[in-house]
Amino acid sequence: MMDEIQKRILEEVADLHTVPEGAYNIRANGVSAARSTTANIDITSKTGVSGIDIRIKPGTKHESVHIPVVLSQSGMKEMVYNDFYIGEDSDVVIVAGCGIHNCGSQDSEHDGIHRFYVGKNAKVKYVEKHYGEGDGSGKRILNPGTEVYMEEGSSMEMEMVQIKGVDSTYRTTTAELAAGARLVVRERLLTHGNQTAVSDYVVKLNGEDASADVVSRSVAKDHSYQKFDSQIVGNAKCSGHTECDAIIMGNARILAVPQLEANDIDAALIHEAAIGKIAGEQIIKLMTLGLTEEEAEAQIVNGFLK
């Protein structure tokens, strides 16, 4: 059974108000709190290490998998390994994410490795949300690692979101794409206080006509620090694009490091990066409509991160 704090965090990271339909594995304070499988999606526990294997049968259409993690014990640290095997010609949605509630003096930390093996012509939408809360002095730390291996003609859309309460995060994402595979990444990030956030992407376009589009939109406030490091490697006739668009506020710091590596004459690669403050005329315009300066800033930030 989950308590009210855990249920509230579950709503934040997975938009779950009730038990989800389809397959799911809900992890709370280091153990599986609930699990369900379907005829087409099987979830089994690993042996030797913490984590699960998720196997999706070829041809599975319009089904979902929810695998959120909730930590509400101060001082808890864990490392999990989750592997996803997505069968050929399937079309599924996978919702992950982690929420930490820390009201104690000890740091709470969740680290995890997610590996995706995407079969030929399969389609995957992956949503990962991170969230932290609690008035304790202990930190809320999240370090996710994601590995993606895409076979011919497959496609994957990744939505990576962190908008509140995480003191420190180091996110690494690597991907290898075969011929005709397509990867789209949309990252949304907000840091404040003394928080730090590092996003490190390496995407290798190994097959002909593979493509990748990696875009980050972020806001850094107060004394927080962000680093966005995105590398796209073109090893064949392919197309790749990476972009960082950031708003800086207060005494925050942002480092954007877009990188391109072309190892084929027909590799078409583009990078863009923009960091700036909120324009004064935007604030003034909203204030003429009756908003305070703080309310105007909040409205602009919320719109930017949508």
C-alpha atoms as a PDB file:
ATOM      1  CA  MET A   1       0.000   0.000   0.000  1.00  0.00           C
ATOM      2  CA  MET A   2       1.182   3.535  -0.792  1.00  0.00           C
ATOM      3  CA  ASP A   3       0.710   6.470   1.582  1.00  0.00           C
ATOM      4  CA  GLU A   4      -0.669   9.886   0.620  1.00  0.00           C
ATOM      5  CA  ILE A   5       2.776  11.424   0.051  1.00  0.00           C
ATOM      6  CA  GLN A   6       3.758   8.645  -2.338  1.00  0.00           C
ATOM      7  CA  LYS A   7       0.450   8.931  -4.197  1.00  0.00           C
ATOM      8  CA  ARG A   8       0.915  12.680  -4.652  1.00  0.00           C
ATOM      9  CA  ILE A   9       4.443  12.228  -6.007  1.00  0.00           C
ATOM     10  CA  LEU A  10       3.117   9.552  -8.353  1.00  0.00           C
ATOM     11  CA  GLU A  11       0.710  12.102  -9.799  1.00  0.00           C
ATOM     12  CA  GLU A  12       3.598  14.522 -10.399  1.00  0.00           C
ATOM     13  CA  VAL A  13       5.933  12.114 -12.202  1.00  0.00           C
ATOM     14  CA  ALA A  14       3.465   9.905 -14.073  1.00  0.00           C
ATOM     15  CA  ASP A  15       0.125  11.794 -14.092  1.00  0.00           C
ATOM     16  CA  LEU A  16      -1.407   8.824 -12.311  1.00  0.00           C
ATOM     17  CA  HIS A  17      -4.466   9.438 -10.161  1.00  0.00           C
ATOM     18  CA  THR A  18      -5.588   5.818 -10.146  1.00  0.00           C
ATOM     19  CA  VAL A  19      -4.115   2.466 -11.101  1.00  0.00           C
ATOM     20  CA  PRO A  20      -3.126   2.777 -14.797  1.00  0.00           C
ATOM     21  CA  GLU A  21      -4.502   0.655 -17.574  1.00  0.00           C
ATOM     22  CA  GLY A  22      -2.146  -1.737 -19.315  1.00  0.00           C
ATOM     23  CA  ALA A  23       1.187  -2.936 -17.966  1.00  0.00           C
ATOM     24  CA  TYR A  24       2.868  -1.219 -15.027  1.00  0.00           C
ATOM     25  CA  ASN A  25       5.472  -1.575 -12.305  1.00  0.00           C
ATOM     26  CA  ILE A  26       5.374   0.976  -9.468  1.00  0.00           C
ATOM     27  CA  ARG A  27       8.499   1.090  -7.304  1.00  0.00           C
ATOM     28  CA  ALA A  28       8.301   2.726  -3.861  1.00  0.00           C
ATOM     29  CA  ASN A  29      11.215   3.021  -1.428  1.00  0.00           C
ATOM     30  CA  GLY A  30      13.250   0.288  -3.059  1.00  0.00           C
ATOM     31  CA  VAL A  31      10.587  -2.373  -3.587  1.00  0.00           C
ATOM     32  CA  SER A  32       7.847  -3.103  -6.097  1.00  0.00           C
ATOM     33  CA  ALA A  33       4.588  -1.685  -4.743  1.00  0.00           C
ATOM     34  CA  ALA A  34       2.385  -2.863  -7.631  1.00  0.00           C
ATOM     35  CA  ARG A  35       2.782  -4.693 -10.927  1.00  0.00           C
ATOM     36  CA  SER A  36       0.578  -5.764 -13.802  1.00  0.00           C
ATOM     37  CA  THR A  37       1.292  -7.390 -17.157  1.00  0.00           C
ATOM     38  CA  THR A  38      -0.773  -7.907 -20.301  1.00  0.00           C
ATOM     39  CA  ALA A  39      -0.961 -10.530 -23.016  1.00  0.00           C
ATOM     40  CA  ASN A  40       1.519  -8.516 -25.081  1.00  0.00           C
ATOM     41  CA  ILE A  41       3.712  -6.887 -22.420  1.00  0.00           C
ATOM     42  CA  ASP A  42       5.578  -8.884 -19.796  1.00  0.00           C
ATOM     43  CA  ILE A  43       7.486  -7.453 -16.819  1.00  0.00           C
ATOM     44  CA  THR A  44       9.884  -9.593 -14.815  1.00  0.00           C
ATOM     45  CA  SER A  45      12.314  -8.831 -11.996  1.00  0.00           C
ATOM     46  CA  LYS A  46      16.030  -9.127 -12.618  1.00  0.00           C
ATOM     47  CA  THR A  47      18.193 -11.468 -10.600  1.00  0.00           C
ATOM     48  CA  GLY A  48      21.466 -10.322  -9.092  1.00  0.00           C
ATOM     49  CA  VAL A  49      20.708  -6.595  -9.437  1.00  0.00           C
ATOM     50  CA  SER A  50      17.721  -4.349  -8.805  1.00  0.00           C
ATOM     51  CA  GLY A  51      15.564  -3.705 -11.834  1.00  0.00           C
ATOM     52  CA  ILE A  52      13.149  -5.198 -14.328  1.00  0.00           C
ATOM     53  CA  ASP A  53      12.960  -6.516 -17.883  1.00  0.00           C
ATOM     54  CA  ILE A  54      10.064  -5.301 -20.025  1.00  0.00           C
ATOM     55  CA  ARG A  55       9.356  -7.387 -23.123  1.00  0.00           C
ATOM     56  CA  ILE A  56       6.884  -6.130 -25.713  1.00  0.00           C
ATOM     57  CA  LYS A  57       5.730  -8.612 -28.336  1.00  0.00           C
ATOM     58  CA  PRO A  58       6.130  -7.816 -32.054  1.00  0.00           C
ATOM     59  CA  GLY A  59       3.077  -6.111 -33.520  1.00  0.00           C
ATOM     60  CA  THR A  60       1.796  -4.730 -30.212  1.00  0.00           C
ATOM     61  CA  LYS A  61      -0.223  -1.589 -30.959  1.00  0.00           C
ATOM     62  CA  HIS A  62      -1.549   1.267 -28.811  1.00  0.00           C
ATOM     63  CA  GLU A  63      -0.554  -0.168 -25.444  1.00  0.00           C
ATOM     64  CA  SER A  64       1.283   1.539 -22.598  1.00  0.00           C
ATOM     65  CA  VAL A  65       3.792   0.744 -19.868  1.00  0.00           C
ATOM     66  CA  HIS A  66       4.130   2.789 -16.660  1.00  0.00           C
ATOM     67  CA  ILE A  67       7.242   2.307 -14.499  1.00  0.00           C
ATOM     68  CA  PRO A  68       7.440   5.244 -12.044  1.00  0.00           C
ATOM     69  CA  VAL A  69       9.692   5.340  -8.967  1.00  0.00           C
ATOM     70  CA  VAL A  70       8.863   7.052  -5.656  1.00  0.00           C
ATOM     71  CA  LEU A  71      11.258   7.720  -2.760  1.00  0.00           C
ATOM     72  CA  SER A  72       9.896   9.127   0.512  1.00  0.00           C
ATOM     73  CA  GLN A  73      12.513   7.889   3.002  1.00  0.00           C
ATOM     74  CA  SER A  74      15.285  10.375   3.776  1.00  0.00           C
ATOM     75  CA  GLY A  75      18.767   8.947   3.282  1.00  0.00           C
ATOM     76  CA  MET A  76      17.722   6.258   0.832  1.00  0.00           C
ATOM     77  CA  LYS A  77      20.023   5.567  -2.121  1.00  0.00           C
ATOM     78  CA  GLU A  78      19.394   3.041  -4.859  1.00  0.00           C
ATOM     79  CA  MET A  79      20.594   1.934  -8.286  1.00  0.00           C
ATOM     80  CA  VAL A  80      18.291   0.105 -10.711  1.00  0.00           C
ATOM     81  CA  TYR A  81      18.686  -1.398 -14.178  1.00  0.00           C
ATOM     82  CA  ASN A  82      15.662  -1.588 -16.487  1.00  0.00           C
ATOM     83  CA  ASP A  83      15.820  -3.132 -19.966  1.00  0.00           C
ATOM     84  CA  PHE A  84      13.128  -2.677 -22.620  1.00  0.00           C
ATOM     85  CA  TYR A  85      12.809  -5.063 -25.551  1.00  0.00           C
ATOM     86  CA  ILE A  86      10.389  -3.553 -28.074  1.00  0.00           C
ATOM     87  CA  GLY A  87       9.310  -6.000 -30.768  1.00  0.00           C
ATOM     88  CA  GLU A  88       9.155  -5.284 -34.493  1.00  0.00           C
ATOM     89  CA  ASP A  89       6.219  -3.240 -35.865  1.00  0.00           C
ATOM     90  CA  SER A  90       4.954  -2.330 -32.396  1.00  0.00           C
ATOM     91  CA  ASP A  91       3.591   1.085 -31.372  1.00  0.00           C
ATOM     92  CA  VAL A  92       3.711   1.788 -27.620  1.00  0.00           C
ATOM     93  CA  VAL A  93       3.961   4.496 -24.979  1.00  0.00           C
ATOM     94  CA  ILE A  94       6.352   4.128 -22.027  1.00  0.00           C
ATOM     95  CA  VAL A  95       6.014   6.429 -19.013  1.00  0.00           C
ATOM     96  CA  ALA A  96       8.814   6.486 -16.457  1.00  0.00           C
ATOM     97  CA  GLY A  97      10.108   9.087 -14.025  1.00  0.00           C
ATOM     98  CA  CYS A  98      11.126   9.471 -10.413  1.00  0.00           C
ATOM     99  CA  GLY A  99       9.884  11.614  -7.540  1.00  0.00           C
ATOM    100  CA  ILE A 100      11.710  12.186  -4.249  1.00  0.00           C
ATOM    101  CA  HIS A 101      10.135  13.506  -1.042  1.00  0.00           C
ATOM    102  CA  ASN A 102      12.884  14.358   1.453  1.00  0.00           C
ATOM    103  CA  CYS A 103      12.071  16.013   4.774  1.00  0.00           C
ATOM    104  CA  GLY A 104      15.180  14.748   6.557  1.00  0.00           C
ATOM    105  CA  SER A 105      18.831  15.748   6.892  1.00  0.00           C
ATOM    106  CA  GLN A 106      20.307  12.938   4.793  1.00  0.00           C
ATOM    107  CA  ASP A 107      20.592  12.957   0.997  1.00  0.00           C
ATOM    108  CA  SER A 108      18.157  10.800  -0.983  1.00  0.00           C
ATOM    109  CA  GLU A 109      19.342   9.500  -4.343  1.00  0.00           C
ATOM    110  CA  HIS A 110      17.941   7.443  -7.195  1.00  0.00           C
ATOM    111  CA  ASP A 111      20.235   6.335 -10.016  1.00  0.00           C
ATOM    112  CA  GLY A 112      19.133   4.163 -12.895  1.00  0.00           C
ATOM    113  CA  ILE A 113      20.094   2.781 -16.267  1.00  0.00           C
ATOM    114  CA  HIS A 114      17.362   2.331 -18.891  1.00  0.00           C
ATOM    115  CA  ARG A 115      18.311   0.376 -22.004  1.00  0.00           C
ATOM    116  CA  PHE A 116      15.985   0.343 -25.006  1.00  0.00           C
ATOM    117  CA  TYR A 117      16.266  -2.218 -27.802  1.00  0.00           C
ATOM    118  CA  VAL A 118      13.864  -0.978 -30.472  1.00  0.00           C
ATOM    119  CA  GLY A 119      12.978  -3.510 -33.167  1.00  0.00           C
ATOM    120  CA  LYS A 120      12.554  -2.887 -36.895  1.00  0.00           C
ATOM    121  CA  ASN A 121       9.794  -0.404 -37.795  1.00  0.00           C
ATOM    122  CA  ALA A 122       8.719  -0.106 -34.149  1.00  0.00           C
ATOM    123  CA  LYS A 123       7.440   3.212 -32.747  1.00  0.00           C
ATOM    124  CA  VAL A 124       8.028   4.291 -29.160  1.00  0.00           C
ATOM    125  CA  LYS A 125       7.030   7.376 -27.210  1.00  0.00           C
ATOM    126  CA  TYR A 126       8.990   7.628 -23.973  1.00  0.00           C
ATOM    127  CA  VAL A 127       8.137  10.133 -21.220  1.00  0.00           C
ATOM    128  CA  GLU A 128      10.481  10.628 -18.263  1.00  0.00           C
ATOM    129  CA  LYS A 129       9.697  13.183 -15.547  1.00  0.00           C
ATOM    130  CA  HIS A 130      11.761  14.063 -12.485  1.00  0.00           C
ATOM    131  CA  TYR A 131      10.407  15.850  -9.431  1.00  0.00           C
ATOM    132  CA  GLY A 132      11.542  16.693  -5.915  1.00  0.00           C
ATOM    133  CA  GLU A 133       9.911  18.112  -2.784  1.00  0.00           C
ATOM    134  CA  GLY A 134      10.285  18.267   0.993  1.00  0.00           C
ATOM    135  CA  ASP A 135      11.593  20.827   3.478  1.00  0.00           C
ATOM    136  CA  GLY A 136      14.528  18.832   4.859  1.00  0.00           C
ATOM    137  CA  SER A 137      18.175  19.831   4.497  1.00  0.00           C
ATOM    138  CA  GLY A 138      19.006  16.567   2.730  1.00  0.00           C
ATOM    139  CA  LYS A 139      19.456  16.778  -1.026  1.00  0.00           C
ATOM    140  CA  ARG A 140      17.281  15.187  -3.704  1.00  0.00           C
ATOM    141  CA  ILE A 141      19.605  13.601  -6.275  1.00  0.00           C
ATOM    142  CA  LEU A 142      18.720  11.908  -9.569  1.00  0.00           C
ATOM    143  CA  ASN A 143      21.248  10.452 -12.015  1.00  0.00           C
ATOM    144  CA  PRO A 144      19.533   8.695 -14.928  1.00  0.00           C
ATOM    145  CA  GLY A 145      21.379   6.954 -17.738  1.00  0.00           C
ATOM    146  CA  THR A 146      19.591   6.057 -20.970  1.00  0.00           C
ATOM    147  CA  GLU A 147      20.886   3.825 -23.757  1.00  0.00           C
ATOM    148  CA  VAL A 148      18.955   3.480 -27.018  1.00  0.00           C
ATOM    149  CA  TYR A 149      19.633   0.945 -29.778  1.00  0.00           C
ATOM    150  CA  MET A 150      17.382   1.410 -32.805  1.00  0.00           C
ATOM    151  CA  GLU A 151      17.011  -1.050 -35.657  1.00  0.00           C
ATOM    152  CA  GLU A 152      16.089  -0.228 -39.252  1.00  0.00           C
ATOM    153  CA  GLY A 153      13.034   1.955 -39.794  1.00  0.00           C
ATOM    154  CA  SER A 154      12.266   2.385 -36.106  1.00  0.00           C
ATOM    155  CA  SER A 155      11.322   5.681 -34.460  1.00  0.00           C
ATOM    156  CA  MET A 156      11.475   6.965 -30.896  1.00  0.00           C
ATOM    157  CA  GLU A 157      10.235  10.200 -29.347  1.00  0.00           C
ATOM    158  CA  MET A 158      11.676  11.058 -25.940  1.00  0.00           C
ATOM    159  CA  GLU A 159      10.187  13.691 -23.622  1.00  0.00           C
ATOM    160  CA  MET A 160      12.580  14.465 -20.759  1.00  0.00           C
ATOM    161  CA  VAL A 161      11.170  16.815 -18.119  1.00  0.00           C
ATOM    162  CA  GLN A 162      12.520  18.225 -14.849  1.00  0.00           C
ATOM    163  CA  ILE A 163      10.805  21.339 -13.571  1.00  0.00           C
ATOM    164  CA  LYS A 164      10.934  21.326  -9.778  1.00  0.00           C
ATOM    165  CA  GLY A 165      12.805  20.370  -6.643  1.00  0.00           C
ATOM    166  CA  VAL A 166      15.799  18.293  -7.824  1.00  0.00           C
ATOM    167  CA  ASP A 167      19.037  19.514  -6.208  1.00  0.00           C
ATOM    168  CA  SER A 168      21.463  17.649  -8.433  1.00  0.00           C
ATOM    169  CA  THR A 169      21.086  15.651 -11.628  1.00  0.00           C
ATOM    170  CA  TYR A 170      23.498  14.192 -14.155  1.00  0.00           C
ATOM    171  CA  ARG A 171      21.646  12.780 -17.148  1.00  0.00           C
ATOM    172  CA  THR A 172      23.487  10.749 -19.783  1.00  0.00           C
ATOM    173  CA  THR A 173      21.813   9.605 -22.995  1.00  0.00           C
ATOM    174  CA  THR A 174      23.435   7.590 -25.766  1.00  0.00           C
ATOM    175  CA  ALA A 175      21.775   6.354 -28.944  1.00  0.00           C
ATOM    176  CA  GLU A 176      22.796   4.293 -31.966  1.00  0.00           C
ATOM    177  CA  LEU A 177      20.576   4.406 -35.051  1.00  0.00           C
ATOM    178  CA  ALA A 178      20.474   1.972 -37.958  1.00  0.00           C
ATOM    179  CA  ALA A 179      19.283   2.787 -41.487  1.00  0.00           C
ATOM    180  CA  GLY A 180      16.071   4.832 -41.641  1.00  0.00           C
ATOM    181  CA  ALA A 181      15.746   5.091 -37.862  1.00  0.00           C
ATOM    182  CA  ARG A 182      14.483   8.393 -36.416  1.00  0.00           C
ATOM    183  CA  LEU A 183      15.061   9.840 -32.932  1.00  0.00           C
ATOM    184  CA  VAL A 184      13.395  12.969 -31.514  1.00  0.00           C
ATOM    185  CA  VAL A 185      14.353  14.318 -28.071  1.00  0.00           C
ATOM    186  CA  ARG A 186      12.579  17.173 -26.314  1.00  0.00           C
ATOM    187  CA  GLU A 187      14.122  18.205 -23.002  1.00  0.00           C
ATOM    188  CA  ARG A 188      12.488  20.734 -20.637  1.00  0.00           C
ATOM    189  CA  LEU A 189      14.420  21.826 -17.570  1.00  0.00           C
ATOM    190  CA  LEU A 190      14.087  24.349 -14.738  1.00  0.00           C
ATOM    191  CA  THR A 191      16.676  24.917 -12.001  1.00  0.00           C
ATOM    192  CA  HIS A 192      16.622  27.349  -9.086  1.00  0.00           C
ATOM    193  CA  GLY A 193      18.405  28.001  -5.804  1.00  0.00           C
ATOM    194  CA  ASN A 194      21.788  26.239  -5.838  1.00  0.00           C
ATOM    195  CA  GLN A 195      20.675  23.342  -8.010  1.00  0.00           C
ATOM    196  CA  THR A 196      22.891  21.806 -10.683  1.00  0.00           C
ATOM    197  CA  ALA A 197      21.805  19.944 -13.817  1.00  0.00           C
ATOM    198  CA  VAL A 198      23.989  18.350 -16.485  1.00  0.00           C
ATOM    199  CA  SER A 199      22.576  16.786 -19.661  1.00  0.00           C
ATOM    200  CA  ASP A 200      24.976  14.778 -21.813  1.00  0.00           C
ATOM    201  CA  TYR A 201      23.765  13.381 -25.163  1.00  0.00           C
ATOM    202  CA  VAL A 202      25.718  11.318 -27.702  1.00  0.00           C
ATOM    203  CA  VAL A 203      23.781  10.193 -30.791  1.00  0.00           C
ATOM    204  CA  LYS A 204      25.431   8.059 -33.477  1.00  0.00           C
ATOM    205  CA  LEU A 205      23.748   7.961 -36.887  1.00  0.00           C
ATOM    206  CA  ASN A 206      25.186   4.743 -38.255  1.00  0.00           C
ATOM    207  CA  GLY A 207      22.762   3.843 -41.063  1.00  0.00           C
ATOM    208  CA  GLU A 208      21.738   5.511 -44.285  1.00  0.00           C
ATOM    209  CA  ASP A 209      18.901   8.025 -43.884  1.00  0.00           C
ATOM    210  CA  ALA A 210      18.985   7.854 -40.103  1.00  0.00           C
ATOM    211  CA  SER A 211      17.953  11.127 -38.444  1.00  0.00           C
ATOM    212  CA  ALA A 212      18.034  12.781 -35.028  1.00  0.00           C
ATOM    213  CA  ASP A 213      16.577  15.992 -33.591  1.00  0.00           C
ATOM    214  CA  VAL A 214      17.750  16.819 -30.042  1.00  0.00           C
ATOM    215  CA  VAL A 215      16.318  20.025 -28.559  1.00  0.00           C
ATOM    216  CA  SER A 216      16.601  21.414 -25.029  1.00  0.00           C
ATOM    217  CA  ARG A 217      14.601  24.328 -23.595  1.00  0.00           C
ATOM    218  CA  SER A 218      15.687  25.394 -20.134  1.00  0.00           C
ATOM    219  CA  VAL A 219      15.448  28.124 -17.509  1.00  0.00           C
ATOM    220  CA  ALA A 220      18.149  28.702 -14.878  1.00  0.00           C
ATOM    221  CA  LYS A 221      17.297  30.905 -11.886  1.00  0.00           C
ATOM    222  CA  ASP A 222      19.033  32.215  -8.748  1.00  0.00           C
ATOM    223  CA  HIS A 223      22.496  30.619  -8.306  1.00  0.00           C
ATOM    224  CA  SER A 224      21.788  27.408 -10.200  1.00  0.00           C
ATOM    225  CA  TYR A 225      24.026  25.867 -12.866  1.00  0.00           C
ATOM    226  CA  GLN A 226      23.191  24.009 -16.064  1.00  0.00           C
ATOM    227  CA  LYS A 227      25.290  22.279 -18.696  1.00  0.00           C
ATOM    228  CA  PHE A 228      23.911  20.973 -21.978  1.00  0.00           C
ATOM    229  CA  ASP A 229      26.398  18.819 -23.910  1.00  0.00           C
ATOM    230  CA  SER A 230      25.005  17.333 -27.118  1.00  0.00           C
ATOM    231  CA  GLN A 231      27.054  15.438 -29.696  1.00  0.00           C
ATOM    232  CA  ILE A 232      25.690  14.097 -32.982  1.00  0.00           C
ATOM    233  CA  VAL A 233      27.926  11.781 -34.988  1.00  0.00           C
ATOM    234  CA  GLY A 234      27.125  11.188 -38.659  1.00  0.00           C
ATOM    235  CA  ASN A 235      28.646   7.909 -39.830  1.00  0.00           C
ATOM    236  CA  ALA A 236      26.566   7.600 -43.016  1.00  0.00           C
ATOM    237  CA  LYS A 237      24.247   9.579 -45.280  1.00  0.00           C
ATOM    238  CA  CYS A 238      22.039  11.054 -42.552  1.00  0.00           C
ATOM    239  CA  SER A 239      20.573  14.212 -41.037  1.00  0.00           C
ATOM    240  CA  GLY A 240      21.020  15.540 -37.522  1.00  0.00           C
ATOM    241  CA  HIS A 241      20.037  18.647 -35.586  1.00  0.00           C
ATOM    242  CA  THR A 242      20.725  19.711 -32.007  1.00  0.00           C
ATOM    243  CA  GLU A 243      19.587  22.890 -30.303  1.00  0.00           C
ATOM    244  CA  CYS A 244      19.794  24.541 -26.889  1.00  0.00           C
ATOM    245  CA  ASP A 245      17.471  27.456 -26.117  1.00  0.00           C
ATOM    246  CA  ALA A 246      17.875  28.810 -22.582  1.00  0.00           C
ATOM    247  CA  ILE A 247      16.729  31.673 -20.366  1.00  0.00           C
ATOM    248  CA  ILE A 248      19.123  32.847 -17.659  1.00  0.00           C
ATOM    249  CA  MET A 249      17.931  34.728 -14.564  1.00  0.00           C
ATOM    250  CA  GLY A 250      19.519  36.122 -11.392  1.00  0.00           C
ATOM    251  CA  ASN A 251      23.068  34.852 -10.817  1.00  0.00           C
ATOM    252  CA  ALA A 252      22.626  31.551 -12.655  1.00  0.00           C
ATOM    253  CA  ARG A 253      25.198  30.041 -15.037  1.00  0.00           C
ATOM    254  CA  ILE A 254      24.582  28.055 -18.235  1.00  0.00           C
ATOM    255  CA  LEU A 255      27.071  26.223 -20.454  1.00  0.00           C
ATOM    256  CA  ALA A 256      25.923  24.962 -23.869  1.00  0.00           C
ATOM    257  CA  VAL A 257      28.242  22.621 -25.778  1.00  0.00           C
ATOM    258  CA  PRO A 258      26.715  21.519 -29.097  1.00  0.00           C
ATOM    259  CA  GLN A 259      29.026  19.193 -31.061  1.00  0.00           C
ATOM    260  CA  LEU A 260      28.886  17.764 -34.566  1.00  0.00           C
ATOM    261  CA  GLU A 261      31.069  15.034 -36.047  1.00  0.00           C
ATOM    262  CA  ALA A 262      30.723  14.160 -39.733  1.00  0.00           C
ATOM    263  CA  ASN A 263      32.390  10.947 -40.875  1.00  0.00           C
ATOM    264  CA  ASP A 264      30.563  10.731 -44.215  1.00  0.00           C
ATOM    265  CA  ILE A 265      30.394  13.246 -47.060  1.00  0.00           C
ATOM    266  CA  ASP A 266      26.577  13.002 -47.063  1.00  0.00           C
ATOM    267  CA  ALA A 267      26.122  13.622 -43.343  1.00  0.00           C
ATOM    268  CA  ALA A 268      24.020  16.800 -42.988  1.00  0.00           C
ATOM    269  CA  LEU A 269      24.369  18.115 -39.436  1.00  0.00           C
ATOM    270  CA  ILE A 270      23.223  21.381 -37.811  1.00  0.00           C
ATOM    271  CA  HIS A 271      23.611  22.832 -34.323  1.00  0.00           C
ATOM    272  CA  GLU A 272      22.103  25.917 -32.664  1.00  0.00           C
ATOM    273  CA  ALA A 273      22.491  27.487 -29.238  1.00  0.00           C
ATOM    274  CA  ALA A 274      20.928  30.587 -27.690  1.00  0.00           C
ATOM    275  CA  ILE A 275      21.146  31.859 -24.104  1.00  0.00           C
ATOM    276  CA  GLY A 276      19.592  35.126 -22.982  1.00  0.00           C
ATOM    277  CA  LYS A 277      17.535  36.946 -20.380  1.00  0.00           C
ATOM    278  CA  ILE A 278      13.840  37.755 -20.576  1.00  0.00           C
ATOM    279  CA  ALA A 279      13.284  40.827 -22.727  1.00  0.00           C
ATOM    280  CA  GLY A 280      12.208  43.893 -20.767  1.00  0.00           C
ATOM    281  CA  GLU A 281       9.438  44.733 -23.199  1.00  0.00           C
ATOM    282  CA  GLN A 282       7.843  41.341 -22.552  1.00  0.00           C
ATOM    283  CA  ILE A 283       7.679  42.092 -18.832  1.00  0.00           C
ATOM    284  CA  ILE A 284       6.303  45.600 -19.423  1.00  0.00           C
ATOM    285  CA  LYS A 285       3.620  44.353 -21.802  1.00  0.00           C
ATOM    286  CA  LEU A 286       2.306  41.828 -19.289  1.00  0.00           C
ATOM    287  CA  MET A 287       2.463  44.362 -16.444  1.00  0.00           C
ATOM    288  CA  THR A 288       0.209  46.706 -18.433  1.00  0.00           C
ATOM    289  CA  LEU A 289      -2.359  43.896 -18.324  1.00  0.00           C
ATOM    290  CA  GLY A 290      -2.355  43.964 -14.525  1.00  0.00           C
ATOM    291  CA  LEU A 291       0.356  41.433 -13.614  1.00  0.00           C
ATOM    292  CA  THR A 292       3.127  42.161 -11.130  1.00  0.00           C
ATOM    293  CA  GLU A 293       6.720  41.838 -12.317  1.00  0.00           C
ATOM    294  CA  GLU A 294       7.075  38.439 -10.607  1.00  0.00           C
ATOM    295  CA  GLU A 295       3.801  37.207 -12.105  1.00  0.00           C
ATOM    296  CA  ALA A 296       4.895  38.388 -15.552  1.00  0.00           C
ATOM    297  CA  GLU A 297       8.215  36.545 -15.271  1.00  0.00           C
ATOM    298  CA  ALA A 298       6.431  33.373 -14.140  1.00  0.00           C
ATOM    299  CA  GLN A 299       4.005  33.596 -17.062  1.00  0.00           C
ATOM    300  CA  ILE A 300       6.851  33.936 -19.568  1.00  0.00           C
ATOM    301  CA  VAL A 301       8.826  31.042 -18.042  1.00  0.00           C
ATOM    302  CA  ASN A 302       5.785  28.739 -17.990  1.00  0.00           C
ATOM    303  CA  GLY A 303       5.030  29.503 -21.623  1.00  0.00           C
ATOM    304  CA  PHE A 304       8.657  28.958 -22.627  1.00  0.00           C
ATOM    305  CA  LEU A 305       8.817  25.515 -21.016  1.00  0.00           C
ATOM    306  CA  LYS A 306       5.541  24.189 -22.434  1.00  0.00           C
END
